[in-house]
Amino acid sequence: MLFIVHRVDRPGTNALRMKTRPAHLEWTKTVGARLKFAGPTLAEDGKTMNGSIWVIEADSLDAANTLMTNDAYEKVYLFESKIVRHFMQTVPEPS
């Protein structure tokens, strides 16, 4: 099953995000094929990262949540909110 994960940074945590980013990127390599795509959301300046969107594959909602708790960003409490929901791809049509 696919899940979308939308996480929003706590205000004033850009320095924490940048300090933790190398560990976060290393962790993403461990996710492997379960990661369909991901990337940061950006502030209105189009440069400052302020959250993230992920599409992942997991067996259940609990498994998706567990996977994301291992991210270095979650370990330093970067996010003020996190939404994990089932996701159905319709466009482009999955092969």
N, C-alpha and C. Protein backbone atom coordinates (compact mmCIF):
# COMPACT_ATOMS: atom_id res chain seq x y z
N MET A 1 0.83 -1.17 0.00
CA MET A 1 0.00 0.00 0.00
C MET A 1 0.88 1.25 0.00
N LEU A 2 0.37 2.28 -0.63
CA LEU A 2 1.08 3.55 -0.64
C LEU A 2 0.55 4.47 0.45
N PHE A 3 1.46 5.28 0.98
CA PHE A 3 1.11 6.27 1.99
C PHE A 3 1.79 7.58 1.65
N ILE A 4 1.09 8.68 1.91
CA ILE A 4 1.70 10.00 1.80
C ILE A 4 1.99 10.48 3.22
N VAL A 5 3.17 11.06 3.37
CA VAL A 5 3.59 11.60 4.66
C VAL A 5 3.88 13.08 4.44
N HIS A 6 3.14 13.93 5.16
CA HIS A 6 3.36 15.38 5.07
C HIS A 6 3.78 15.86 6.45
N ARG A 7 5.00 16.38 6.53
CA ARG A 7 5.53 16.86 7.81
C ARG A 7 5.86 18.34 7.67
N VAL A 8 5.53 19.11 8.71
CA VAL A 8 5.76 20.55 8.72
C VAL A 8 6.72 20.86 9.86
N ASP A 9 7.79 21.62 9.54
CA ASP A 9 8.80 21.99 10.54
C ASP A 9 8.22 22.92 11.60
N ARG A 10 8.75 22.80 12.82
CA ARG A 10 8.44 23.78 13.85
C ARG A 10 9.06 25.12 13.43
N PRO A 11 8.42 26.23 13.74
CA PRO A 11 8.98 27.55 13.41
C PRO A 11 10.37 27.72 14.04
N GLY A 12 11.26 28.37 13.29
CA GLY A 12 12.58 28.69 13.79
C GLY A 12 13.54 27.53 13.88
N THR A 13 13.29 26.45 13.14
CA THR A 13 14.15 25.27 13.24
C THR A 13 15.01 25.03 11.99
N ASN A 14 15.17 26.04 11.15
CA ASN A 14 15.95 25.84 9.93
C ASN A 14 17.39 25.42 10.23
N ALA A 15 18.01 26.02 11.23
CA ALA A 15 19.39 25.64 11.59
C ALA A 15 19.45 24.18 12.04
N LEU A 16 18.45 23.74 12.80
CA LEU A 16 18.38 22.34 13.23
C LEU A 16 18.21 21.42 12.03
N ARG A 17 17.36 21.82 11.08
CA ARG A 17 17.17 21.03 9.86
C ARG A 17 18.49 20.87 9.12
N MET A 18 19.21 21.97 8.93
CA MET A 18 20.45 21.91 8.16
C MET A 18 21.53 21.10 8.89
N LYS A 19 21.58 21.22 10.20
CA LYS A 19 22.55 20.46 10.99
C LYS A 19 22.27 18.95 10.91
N THR A 20 20.99 18.58 10.89
CA THR A 20 20.58 17.18 10.90
C THR A 20 20.48 16.60 9.49
N ARG A 21 20.50 17.43 8.48
CA ARG A 21 20.28 16.98 7.10
C ARG A 21 21.21 15.85 6.65
N PRO A 22 22.53 15.89 6.93
CA PRO A 22 23.37 14.76 6.49
C PRO A 22 22.91 13.41 7.07
N ALA A 23 22.55 13.37 8.33
CA ALA A 23 22.07 12.13 8.94
C ALA A 23 20.73 11.72 8.33
N HIS A 24 19.88 12.69 8.05
CA HIS A 24 18.59 12.42 7.40
C HIS A 24 18.81 11.79 6.03
N LEU A 25 19.70 12.37 5.23
CA LEU A 25 19.95 11.85 3.89
C LEU A 25 20.57 10.45 3.93
N GLU A 26 21.42 10.19 4.91
CA GLU A 26 21.98 8.84 5.08
C GLU A 26 20.86 7.85 5.40
N TRP A 27 19.95 8.25 6.28
CA TRP A 27 18.83 7.38 6.64
C TRP A 27 17.96 7.07 5.44
N THR A 28 17.75 8.04 4.55
CA THR A 28 16.88 7.79 3.39
C THR A 28 17.40 6.64 2.55
N LYS A 29 18.70 6.43 2.53
CA LYS A 29 19.28 5.32 1.76
C LYS A 29 18.84 3.97 2.31
N THR A 30 18.51 3.90 3.59
CA THR A 30 18.10 2.63 4.19
C THR A 30 16.66 2.27 3.87
N VAL A 31 15.89 3.23 3.39
CA VAL A 31 14.48 2.99 3.10
C VAL A 31 14.32 2.16 1.83
N GLY A 32 15.27 2.29 0.91
CA GLY A 32 15.27 1.48 -0.30
C GLY A 32 14.06 1.69 -1.18
N ALA A 33 13.57 0.60 -1.75
CA ALA A 33 12.49 0.65 -2.73
C ALA A 33 11.15 1.05 -2.11
N ARG A 34 11.05 1.06 -0.79
CA ARG A 34 9.81 1.50 -0.14
C ARG A 34 9.57 2.99 -0.37
N LEU A 35 10.63 3.74 -0.66
CA LEU A 35 10.52 5.17 -0.92
C LEU A 35 10.24 5.37 -2.41
N LYS A 36 9.06 5.91 -2.71
CA LYS A 36 8.69 6.15 -4.10
C LYS A 36 9.20 7.51 -4.55
N PHE A 37 9.00 8.55 -3.76
CA PHE A 37 9.64 9.84 -3.97
C PHE A 37 9.46 10.68 -2.73
N ALA A 38 10.31 11.69 -2.59
CA ALA A 38 10.26 12.56 -1.43
C ALA A 38 11.00 13.85 -1.73
N GLY A 39 10.70 14.86 -0.93
CA GLY A 39 11.43 16.11 -1.05
C GLY A 39 10.89 17.13 -0.08
N PRO A 40 11.66 18.21 0.12
CA PRO A 40 11.23 19.24 1.05
C PRO A 40 10.17 20.15 0.45
N THR A 41 9.30 20.66 1.32
CA THR A 41 8.45 21.78 0.94
C THR A 41 9.27 23.04 1.19
N LEU A 42 8.91 24.10 0.49
CA LEU A 42 9.69 25.33 0.55
C LEU A 42 8.84 26.51 0.99
N ALA A 43 9.47 27.43 1.67
CA ALA A 43 8.82 28.69 2.06
C ALA A 43 8.56 29.53 0.82
N GLU A 44 7.89 30.64 1.00
CA GLU A 44 7.53 31.49 -0.13
C GLU A 44 8.73 32.03 -0.89
N ASP A 45 9.92 32.04 -0.26
CA ASP A 45 11.12 32.49 -0.98
C ASP A 45 11.60 31.46 -1.99
N GLY A 46 11.00 30.26 -1.98
CA GLY A 46 11.37 29.22 -2.93
C GLY A 46 12.70 28.55 -2.62
N LYS A 47 13.28 28.85 -1.46
CA LYS A 47 14.60 28.30 -1.11
C LYS A 47 14.63 27.65 0.28
N THR A 48 13.96 28.27 1.23
CA THR A 48 14.04 27.81 2.61
C THR A 48 13.15 26.59 2.82
N MET A 49 13.75 25.47 3.24
CA MET A 49 12.98 24.26 3.51
C MET A 49 12.17 24.44 4.78
N ASN A 50 10.91 23.95 4.72
CA ASN A 50 10.04 24.13 5.89
C ASN A 50 9.15 22.92 6.17
N GLY A 51 9.46 21.80 5.58
CA GLY A 51 8.69 20.58 5.78
C GLY A 51 9.08 19.56 4.72
N SER A 52 8.27 18.52 4.58
CA SER A 52 8.57 17.52 3.57
C SER A 52 7.32 16.74 3.18
N ILE A 53 7.37 16.19 1.97
CA ILE A 53 6.34 15.31 1.43
C ILE A 53 7.05 14.02 1.01
N TRP A 54 6.50 12.91 1.45
CA TRP A 54 7.02 11.59 1.09
C TRP A 54 5.88 10.73 0.56
N VAL A 55 6.17 9.89 -0.39
CA VAL A 55 5.28 8.81 -0.77
C VAL A 55 6.08 7.53 -0.55
N ILE A 56 5.54 6.68 0.33
CA ILE A 56 6.24 5.45 0.70
C ILE A 56 5.31 4.26 0.54
N GLU A 57 5.90 3.09 0.46
CA GLU A 57 5.15 1.85 0.44
C GLU A 57 5.36 1.15 1.77
N ALA A 58 4.25 0.70 2.36
CA ALA A 58 4.32 -0.02 3.63
C ALA A 58 3.12 -0.97 3.70
N ASP A 59 3.23 -1.95 4.59
CA ASP A 59 2.17 -2.95 4.73
C ASP A 59 0.94 -2.43 5.46
N SER A 60 1.12 -1.38 6.26
CA SER A 60 0.01 -0.85 7.05
C SER A 60 0.33 0.59 7.47
N LEU A 61 -0.68 1.26 7.99
CA LEU A 61 -0.48 2.61 8.51
C LEU A 61 0.52 2.59 9.67
N ASP A 62 0.41 1.60 10.53
CA ASP A 62 1.38 1.48 11.63
C ASP A 62 2.80 1.30 11.11
N ALA A 63 2.97 0.47 10.08
CA ALA A 63 4.30 0.25 9.51
C ALA A 63 4.85 1.53 8.88
N ALA A 64 3.99 2.31 8.24
CA ALA A 64 4.42 3.57 7.64
C ALA A 64 4.88 4.53 8.74
N ASN A 65 4.10 4.62 9.81
CA ASN A 65 4.50 5.49 10.92
C ASN A 65 5.80 5.03 11.56
N THR A 66 5.95 3.74 11.75
CA THR A 66 7.17 3.21 12.35
C THR A 66 8.38 3.51 11.48
N LEU A 67 8.24 3.33 10.18
CA LEU A 67 9.34 3.63 9.26
C LEU A 67 9.80 5.07 9.43
N MET A 68 8.86 6.00 9.47
CA MET A 68 9.23 7.41 9.53
C MET A 68 9.83 7.81 10.87
N THR A 69 9.51 7.11 11.95
CA THR A 69 10.06 7.48 13.26
C THR A 69 11.56 7.25 13.33
N ASN A 70 12.10 6.49 12.40
CA ASN A 70 13.55 6.24 12.38
C ASN A 70 14.34 7.33 11.68
N ASP A 71 13.66 8.29 11.08
CA ASP A 71 14.32 9.41 10.41
C ASP A 71 15.01 10.31 11.44
N ALA A 72 16.22 10.73 11.14
CA ALA A 72 16.98 11.61 12.04
C ALA A 72 16.21 12.89 12.35
N TYR A 73 15.44 13.40 11.40
CA TYR A 73 14.65 14.60 11.65
C TYR A 73 13.63 14.38 12.76
N GLU A 74 13.03 13.21 12.79
CA GLU A 74 12.05 12.93 13.84
C GLU A 74 12.73 12.78 15.20
N LYS A 75 13.94 12.29 15.21
CA LYS A 75 14.66 12.09 16.47
C LYS A 75 15.06 13.40 17.14
N VAL A 76 15.13 14.49 16.36
CA VAL A 76 15.46 15.80 16.94
C VAL A 76 14.22 16.70 17.04
N TYR A 77 13.05 16.11 16.86
CA TYR A 77 11.78 16.84 17.01
C TYR A 77 11.70 18.07 16.11
N LEU A 78 12.06 17.87 14.84
CA LEU A 78 12.03 18.96 13.88
C LEU A 78 10.60 19.40 13.54
N PHE A 79 9.65 18.50 13.60
CA PHE A 79 8.33 18.76 13.03
C PHE A 79 7.30 19.19 14.07
N GLU A 80 6.47 20.16 13.67
CA GLU A 80 5.34 20.55 14.50
C GLU A 80 4.13 19.69 14.20
N SER A 81 4.09 19.11 13.01
CA SER A 81 2.97 18.23 12.66
C SER A 81 3.41 17.19 11.65
N LYS A 82 2.67 16.07 11.67
CA LYS A 82 2.92 15.00 10.71
C LYS A 82 1.57 14.34 10.41
N ILE A 83 1.28 14.21 9.13
CA ILE A 83 0.08 13.52 8.68
C ILE A 83 0.53 12.35 7.82
N VAL A 84 0.04 11.17 8.13
CA VAL A 84 0.31 9.96 7.34
C VAL A 84 -1.05 9.41 6.91
N ARG A 85 -1.24 9.28 5.61
CA ARG A 85 -2.52 8.82 5.08
C ARG A 85 -2.30 7.82 3.95
N HIS A 86 -3.27 6.91 3.81
CA HIS A 86 -3.27 6.03 2.64
C HIS A 86 -3.31 6.91 1.39
N PHE A 87 -2.67 6.44 0.34
CA PHE A 87 -2.58 7.22 -0.90
C PHE A 87 -2.85 6.29 -2.07
N MET A 88 -3.64 6.76 -3.04
CA MET A 88 -3.92 5.98 -4.23
C MET A 88 -3.44 6.77 -5.45
N GLN A 89 -2.47 6.23 -6.13
CA GLN A 89 -1.98 6.88 -7.35
C GLN A 89 -2.97 6.62 -8.48
N THR A 90 -3.36 7.70 -9.15
CA THR A 90 -4.24 7.56 -10.32
C THR A 90 -3.63 8.16 -11.59
N VAL A 91 -2.75 9.18 -11.42
CA VAL A 91 -2.13 9.82 -12.57
C VAL A 91 -0.64 10.01 -12.27
N PRO A 92 0.27 9.60 -13.13
CA PRO A 92 -0.04 8.71 -14.24
C PRO A 92 -0.50 7.35 -13.71
N GLU A 93 -1.25 6.67 -14.54
CA GLU A 93 -1.78 5.37 -14.14
C GLU A 93 -0.63 4.42 -13.81
N PRO A 94 -0.69 3.77 -12.65
CA PRO A 94 0.40 2.85 -12.28
C PRO A 94 0.51 1.69 -13.27
N SER A 95 1.72 1.24 -13.48
CA SER A 95 1.92 0.12 -14.42
C SER A 95 1.79 -1.21 -13.73
